[in-house]
Amino acid sequence: MLDESKAPLYKWFTGGLTNISYNCIDRHVDEGRGKDIAVIYESVYTKRGRIIKYEDLLYKVSRFARVLSN
């Protein structure tokens, strides 16, 4: 929803809550696509690549979130 109360300074979704991490990662695992590829990384400098699956990415993000919360 668009808040037009202070036009021309508009705000979207005022008071709303969202979990971007859930939309990007968790929902794919919840829907059974944990083994699908989430990220393909290729370095021009090191000539190395890496493939990360959704379930691995969820684990790494969750682990780092615990670090930040502590």
PDB file of N, CA and C in Angstrom:
ATOM      1  N   MET A   1       0.848  -1.171   0.000  1.00  0.00           N
ATOM      2  CA  MET A   1       0.000   0.000   0.000  1.00  0.00           C
ATOM      3  C   MET A   1       0.898   1.240   0.000  1.00  0.00           C
ATOM      4  N   LEU A   2       0.488   2.231  -0.728  1.00  0.00           N
ATOM      5  CA  LEU A   2       1.245   3.471  -0.860  1.00  0.00           C
ATOM      6  C   LEU A   2       0.694   4.519   0.103  1.00  0.00           C
ATOM      7  N   ASP A   3       1.589   5.070   0.930  1.00  0.00           N
ATOM      8  CA  ASP A   3       1.219   6.134   1.857  1.00  0.00           C
ATOM      9  C   ASP A   3       1.471   7.468   1.160  1.00  0.00           C
ATOM     10  N   GLU A   4       0.403   8.171   0.838  1.00  0.00           N
ATOM     11  CA  GLU A   4       0.509   9.455   0.134  1.00  0.00           C
ATOM     12  C   GLU A   4       0.301  10.641   1.065  1.00  0.00           C
ATOM     13  N   SER A   5       0.328  10.418   2.369  1.00  0.00           N
ATOM     14  CA  SER A   5      -0.007  11.475   3.329  1.00  0.00           C
ATOM     15  C   SER A   5       0.986  12.629   3.337  1.00  0.00           C
ATOM     16  N   LYS A   6       2.212  12.408   2.893  1.00  0.00           N
ATOM     17  CA  LYS A   6       3.223  13.469   2.872  1.00  0.00           C
ATOM     18  C   LYS A   6       3.766  13.660   1.459  1.00  0.00           C
ATOM     19  N   ALA A   7       2.855  13.658   0.496  1.00  0.00           N
ATOM     20  CA  ALA A   7       3.252  13.829  -0.908  1.00  0.00           C
ATOM     21  C   ALA A   7       4.039  15.118  -1.062  1.00  0.00           C
ATOM     22  N   PRO A   8       5.057  15.145  -1.842  1.00  0.00           N
ATOM     23  CA  PRO A   8       5.528  14.138  -2.796  1.00  0.00           C
ATOM     24  C   PRO A   8       6.509  13.118  -2.183  1.00  0.00           C
ATOM     25  N   LEU A   9       6.588  13.033  -0.860  1.00  0.00           N
ATOM     26  CA  LEU A   9       7.451  12.039  -0.213  1.00  0.00           C
ATOM     27  C   LEU A   9       6.600  10.806   0.100  1.00  0.00           C
ATOM     28  N   TYR A  10       6.554   9.896  -0.850  1.00  0.00           N
ATOM     29  CA  TYR A  10       5.713   8.704  -0.727  1.00  0.00           C
ATOM     30  C   TYR A  10       6.464   7.588  -0.008  1.00  0.00           C
ATOM     31  N   LYS A  11       5.713   6.739   0.680  1.00  0.00           N
ATOM     32  CA  LYS A  11       6.292   5.570   1.348  1.00  0.00           C
ATOM     33  C   LYS A  11       5.453   4.349   1.009  1.00  0.00           C
ATOM     34  N   TRP A  12       6.143   3.271   0.734  1.00  0.00           N
ATOM     35  CA  TRP A  12       5.461   2.004   0.446  1.00  0.00           C
ATOM     36  C   TRP A  12       5.423   1.142   1.700  1.00  0.00           C
ATOM     37  N   PHE A  13       4.314   0.475   1.931  1.00  0.00           N
ATOM     38  CA  PHE A  13       4.148  -0.521   2.980  1.00  0.00           C
ATOM     39  C   PHE A  13       4.529  -0.003   4.368  1.00  0.00           C
ATOM     40  N   THR A  14       4.106   1.185   4.716  1.00  0.00           N
ATOM     41  CA  THR A  14       4.402   1.716   6.046  1.00  0.00           C
ATOM     42  C   THR A  14       3.754   0.833   7.101  1.00  0.00           C
ATOM     43  N   GLY A  15       4.525   0.513   8.120  1.00  0.00           N
ATOM     44  CA  GLY A  15       4.027  -0.348   9.183  1.00  0.00           C
ATOM     45  C   GLY A  15       4.021  -1.821   8.842  1.00  0.00           C
ATOM     46  N   GLY A  16       4.387  -2.136   7.609  1.00  0.00           N
ATOM     47  CA  GLY A  16       4.396  -3.531   7.188  1.00  0.00           C
ATOM     48  C   GLY A  16       5.661  -4.244   7.630  1.00  0.00           C
ATOM     49  N   LEU A  17       5.568  -5.554   7.746  1.00  0.00           N
ATOM     50  CA  LEU A  17       6.714  -6.374   8.104  1.00  0.00           C
ATOM     51  C   LEU A  17       6.958  -7.383   6.985  1.00  0.00           C
ATOM     52  N   THR A  18       8.200  -7.608   6.669  1.00  0.00           N
ATOM     53  CA  THR A  18       8.540  -8.606   5.665  1.00  0.00           C
ATOM     54  C   THR A  18       9.836  -9.282   6.048  1.00  0.00           C
ATOM     55  N   ASN A  19      10.004 -10.485   5.585  1.00  0.00           N
ATOM     56  CA  ASN A  19      11.228 -11.233   5.819  1.00  0.00           C
ATOM     57  C   ASN A  19      11.791 -11.571   4.453  1.00  0.00           C
ATOM     58  N   ILE A  20      12.697 -10.752   3.980  1.00  0.00           N
ATOM     59  CA  ILE A  20      13.255 -10.928   2.648  1.00  0.00           C
ATOM     60  C   ILE A  20      14.012 -12.245   2.541  1.00  0.00           C
ATOM     61  N   SER A  21      14.677 -12.639   3.601  1.00  0.00           N
ATOM     62  CA  SER A  21      15.396 -13.908   3.589  1.00  0.00           C
ATOM     63  C   SER A  21      14.436 -15.067   3.346  1.00  0.00           C
ATOM     64  N   TYR A  22      13.261 -15.023   3.959  1.00  0.00           N
ATOM     65  CA  TYR A  22      12.282 -16.088   3.745  1.00  0.00           C
ATOM     66  C   TYR A  22      11.872 -16.133   2.280  1.00  0.00           C
ATOM     67  N   ASN A  23      11.600 -14.983   1.701  1.00  0.00           N
ATOM     68  CA  ASN A  23      11.165 -14.930   0.310  1.00  0.00           C
ATOM     69  C   ASN A  23      12.252 -15.400  -0.654  1.00  0.00           C
ATOM     70  N   CYS A  24      13.502 -15.198  -0.308  1.00  0.00           N
ATOM     71  CA  CYS A  24      14.608 -15.561  -1.197  1.00  0.00           C
ATOM     72  C   CYS A  24      15.117 -16.973  -0.996  1.00  0.00           C
ATOM     73  N   ILE A  25      15.046 -17.498   0.210  1.00  0.00           N
ATOM     74  CA  ILE A  25      15.686 -18.780   0.516  1.00  0.00           C
ATOM     75  C   ILE A  25      14.717 -19.785   1.118  1.00  0.00           C
ATOM     76  N   ASP A  26      14.185 -19.484   2.286  1.00  0.00           N
ATOM     77  CA  ASP A  26      13.398 -20.449   3.069  1.00  0.00           C
ATOM     78  C   ASP A  26      12.240 -21.055   2.282  1.00  0.00           C
ATOM     79  N   ARG A  27      11.526 -20.233   1.541  1.00  0.00           N
ATOM     80  CA  ARG A  27      10.344 -20.751   0.858  1.00  0.00           C
ATOM     81  C   ARG A  27      10.699 -21.812  -0.174  1.00  0.00           C
ATOM     82  N   HIS A  28      11.874 -21.696  -0.786  1.00  0.00           N
ATOM     83  CA  HIS A  28      12.296 -22.698  -1.755  1.00  0.00           C
ATOM     84  C   HIS A  28      12.554 -24.044  -1.070  1.00  0.00           C
ATOM     85  N   VAL A  29      13.180 -23.996   0.090  1.00  0.00           N
ATOM     86  CA  VAL A  29      13.424 -25.216   0.860  1.00  0.00           C
ATOM     87  C   VAL A  29      12.097 -25.787   1.341  1.00  0.00           C
ATOM     88  N   ASP A  30      11.207 -24.938   1.854  1.00  0.00           N
ATOM     89  CA  ASP A  30       9.899 -25.373   2.334  1.00  0.00           C
ATOM     90  C   ASP A  30       9.068 -26.026   1.228  1.00  0.00           C
ATOM     91  N   GLU A  31       9.265 -25.579  -0.011  1.00  0.00           N
ATOM     92  CA  GLU A  31       8.509 -26.117  -1.150  1.00  0.00           C
ATOM     93  C   GLU A  31       9.198 -27.313  -1.806  1.00  0.00           C
ATOM     94  N   GLY A  32      10.264 -27.827  -1.156  1.00  0.00           N
ATOM     95  CA  GLY A  32      10.915 -29.033  -1.656  1.00  0.00           C
ATOM     96  C   GLY A  32      11.988 -28.815  -2.699  1.00  0.00           C
ATOM     97  N   ARG A  33      12.454 -27.588  -2.851  1.00  0.00           N
ATOM     98  CA  ARG A  33      13.493 -27.305  -3.840  1.00  0.00           C
ATOM     99  C   ARG A  33      14.853 -27.045  -3.195  1.00  0.00           C
ATOM    100  N   GLY A  34      15.097 -27.624  -2.024  1.00  0.00           N
ATOM    101  CA  GLY A  34      16.347 -27.411  -1.304  1.00  0.00           C
ATOM    102  C   GLY A  34      17.580 -27.873  -2.067  1.00  0.00           C
ATOM    103  N   LYS A  35      17.426 -28.874  -2.908  1.00  0.00           N
ATOM    104  CA  LYS A  35      18.560 -29.401  -3.678  1.00  0.00           C
ATOM    105  C   LYS A  35      18.810 -28.617  -4.969  1.00  0.00           C
ATOM    106  N   ASP A  36      17.923 -27.688  -5.289  1.00  0.00           N
ATOM    107  CA  ASP A  36      18.102 -26.866  -6.492  1.00  0.00           C
ATOM    108  C   ASP A  36      19.197 -25.833  -6.272  1.00  0.00           C
ATOM    109  N   ILE A  37      19.767 -25.378  -7.355  1.00  0.00           N
ATOM    110  CA  ILE A  37      20.851 -24.393  -7.297  1.00  0.00           C
ATOM    111  C   ILE A  37      20.285 -23.011  -6.966  1.00  0.00           C
ATOM    112  N   ALA A  38      20.874 -22.375  -5.953  1.00  0.00           N
ATOM    113  CA  ALA A  38      20.475 -21.026  -5.554  1.00  0.00           C
ATOM    114  C   ALA A  38      21.459 -19.987  -6.094  1.00  0.00           C
ATOM    115  N   VAL A  39      22.750 -20.329  -6.073  1.00  0.00           N
ATOM    116  CA  VAL A  39      23.793 -19.379  -6.484  1.00  0.00           C
ATOM    117  C   VAL A  39      24.846 -20.113  -7.310  1.00  0.00           C
ATOM    118  N   ILE A  40      25.232 -19.497  -8.408  1.00  0.00           N
ATOM    119  CA  ILE A  40      26.392 -19.968  -9.178  1.00  0.00           C
ATOM    120  C   ILE A  40      27.389 -18.825  -9.170  1.00  0.00           C
ATOM    121  N   TYR A  41      28.559 -19.095  -8.627  1.00  0.00           N
ATOM    122  CA  TYR A  41      29.594 -18.067  -8.501  1.00  0.00           C
ATOM    123  C   TYR A  41      30.799 -18.475  -9.338  1.00  0.00           C
ATOM    124  N   GLU A  42      31.265 -17.580 -10.172  1.00  0.00           N
ATOM    125  CA  GLU A  42      32.477 -17.816 -10.949  1.00  0.00           C
ATOM    126  C   GLU A  42      33.373 -16.594 -10.819  1.00  0.00           C
ATOM    127  N   SER A  43      34.607 -16.824 -10.372  1.00  0.00           N
ATOM    128  CA  SER A  43      35.553 -15.734 -10.191  1.00  0.00           C
ATOM    129  C   SER A  43      36.421 -15.566 -11.432  1.00  0.00           C
ATOM    130  N   VAL A  44      36.476 -14.367 -11.928  1.00  0.00           N
ATOM    131  CA  VAL A  44      37.323 -14.056 -13.067  1.00  0.00           C
ATOM    132  C   VAL A  44      38.794 -14.092 -12.652  1.00  0.00           C
ATOM    133  N   TYR A  45      39.067 -13.732 -11.417  1.00  0.00           N
ATOM    134  CA  TYR A  45      40.441 -13.624 -10.945  1.00  0.00           C
ATOM    135  C   TYR A  45      41.059 -14.965 -10.578  1.00  0.00           C
ATOM    136  N   THR A  46      40.319 -15.793  -9.872  1.00  0.00           N
ATOM    137  CA  THR A  46      40.882 -17.080  -9.427  1.00  0.00           C
ATOM    138  C   THR A  46      40.551 -18.217 -10.381  1.00  0.00           C
ATOM    139  N   LYS A  47      39.678 -17.964 -11.347  1.00  0.00           N
ATOM    140  CA  LYS A  47      39.238 -18.992 -12.309  1.00  0.00           C
ATOM    141  C   LYS A  47      38.569 -20.172 -11.613  1.00  0.00           C
ATOM    142  N   ARG A  48      37.942 -19.915 -10.484  1.00  0.00           N
ATOM    143  CA  ARG A  48      37.230 -20.950  -9.748  1.00  0.00           C
ATOM    144  C   ARG A  48      35.749 -20.620  -9.699  1.00  0.00           C
ATOM    145  N   GLY A  49      34.978 -21.661  -9.559  1.00  0.00           N
ATOM    146  CA  GLY A  49      33.538 -21.477  -9.462  1.00  0.00           C
ATOM    147  C   GLY A  49      32.991 -22.243  -8.275  1.00  0.00           C
ATOM    148  N   ARG A  50      31.775 -21.914  -7.934  1.00  0.00           N
ATOM    149  CA  ARG A  50      31.127 -22.587  -6.820  1.00  0.00           C
ATOM    150  C   ARG A  50      29.626 -22.589  -7.046  1.00  0.00           C
ATOM    151  N   ILE A  51      29.005 -23.691  -6.711  1.00  0.00           N
ATOM    152  CA  ILE A  51      27.557 -23.814  -6.803  1.00  0.00           C
ATOM    153  C   ILE A  51      27.026 -24.029  -5.389  1.00  0.00           C
ATOM    154  N   ILE A  52      26.016 -23.245  -5.012  1.00  0.00           N
ATOM    155  CA  ILE A  52      25.429 -23.353  -3.678  1.00  0.00           C
ATOM    156  C   ILE A  52      23.947 -23.685  -3.841  1.00  0.00           C
ATOM    157  N   LYS A  53      23.511 -24.725  -3.163  1.00  0.00           N
ATOM    158  CA  LYS A  53      22.107 -25.137  -3.194  1.00  0.00           C
ATOM    159  C   LYS A  53      21.330 -24.372  -2.128  1.00  0.00           C
ATOM    160  N   TYR A  54      20.014 -24.314  -2.315  1.00  0.00           N
ATOM    161  CA  TYR A  54      19.170 -23.585  -1.369  1.00  0.00           C
ATOM    162  C   TYR A  54      19.327 -24.099   0.058  1.00  0.00           C
ATOM    163  N   GLU A  55      19.391 -25.413   0.238  1.00  0.00           N
ATOM    164  CA  GLU A  55      19.498 -25.948   1.603  1.00  0.00           C
ATOM    165  C   GLU A  55      20.826 -25.559   2.244  1.00  0.00           C
ATOM    166  N   ASP A  56      21.897 -25.507   1.466  1.00  0.00           N
ATOM    167  CA  ASP A  56      23.194 -25.075   1.994  1.00  0.00           C
ATOM    168  C   ASP A  56      23.191 -23.581   2.312  1.00  0.00           C
ATOM    169  N   LEU A  57      22.571 -22.814   1.435  1.00  0.00           N
ATOM    170  CA  LEU A  57      22.490 -21.370   1.654  1.00  0.00           C
ATOM    171  C   LEU A  57      21.657 -21.060   2.895  1.00  0.00           C
ATOM    172  N   LEU A  58      20.563 -21.778   3.081  1.00  0.00           N
ATOM    173  CA  LEU A  58      19.730 -21.592   4.277  1.00  0.00           C
ATOM    174  C   LEU A  58      20.528 -21.886   5.538  1.00  0.00           C
ATOM    175  N   TYR A  59      21.310 -22.950   5.517  1.00  0.00           N
ATOM    176  CA  TYR A  59      22.134 -23.292   6.675  1.00  0.00           C
ATOM    177  C   TYR A  59      23.131 -22.179   6.973  1.00  0.00           C
ATOM    178  N   LYS A  60      23.820 -21.683   5.945  1.00  0.00           N
ATOM    179  CA  LYS A  60      24.830 -20.636   6.146  1.00  0.00           C
ATOM    180  C   LYS A  60      24.202 -19.326   6.631  1.00  0.00           C
ATOM    181  N   VAL A  61      23.067 -18.955   6.056  1.00  0.00           N
ATOM    182  CA  VAL A  61      22.389 -17.718   6.463  1.00  0.00           C
ATOM    183  C   VAL A  61      21.882 -17.835   7.897  1.00  0.00           C
ATOM    184  N   SER A  62      21.309 -18.995   8.242  1.00  0.00           N
ATOM    185  CA  SER A  62      20.814 -19.203   9.604  1.00  0.00           C
ATOM    186  C   SER A  62      21.944 -19.167  10.620  1.00  0.00           C
ATOM    187  N   ARG A  63      23.043 -19.769  10.254  1.00  0.00           N
ATOM    188  CA  ARG A  63      24.207 -19.785  11.152  1.00  0.00           C
ATOM    189  C   ARG A  63      24.739 -18.366  11.383  1.00  0.00           C
ATOM    190  N   PHE A  64      24.841 -17.587  10.318  1.00  0.00           N
ATOM    191  CA  PHE A  64      25.332 -16.217  10.450  1.00  0.00           C
ATOM    192  C   PHE A  64      24.329 -15.348  11.209  1.00  0.00           C
ATOM    193  N   ALA A  65      23.040 -15.596  11.034  1.00  0.00           N
ATOM    194  CA  ALA A  65      22.016 -14.852  11.785  1.00  0.00           C
ATOM    195  C   ALA A  65      22.175 -15.088  13.281  1.00  0.00           C
ATOM    196  N   ARG A  66      22.506 -16.327  13.670  1.00  0.00           N
ATOM    197  CA  ARG A  66      22.753 -16.620  15.088  1.00  0.00           C
ATOM    198  C   ARG A  66      23.969 -15.846  15.595  1.00  0.00           C
ATOM    199  N   VAL A  67      24.993 -15.739  14.769  1.00  0.00           N
ATOM    200  CA  VAL A  67      26.183 -14.967  15.154  1.00  0.00           C
ATOM    201  C   VAL A  67      25.792 -13.517  15.409  1.00  0.00           C
ATOM    202  N   LEU A  68      25.013 -12.947  14.487  1.00  0.00           N
ATOM    203  CA  LEU A  68      24.609 -11.549  14.645  1.00  0.00           C
ATOM    204  C   LEU A  68      23.711 -11.344  15.867  1.00  0.00           C
ATOM    205  N   SER A  69      22.828 -12.290  16.139  1.00  0.00           N
ATOM    206  CA  SER A  69      21.927 -12.120  17.280  1.00  0.00           C
ATOM    207  C   SER A  69      22.643 -12.264  18.622  1.00  0.00           C
ATOM    208  N   ASN A  70      23.744 -13.012  18.625  1.00  0.00           N
ATOM    209  CA  ASN A  70      24.518 -13.141  19.858  1.00  0.00           C
ATOM    210  C   ASN A  70      25.328 -11.883  20.068  1.00  0.00           C
TER     211      ASN A  70
END
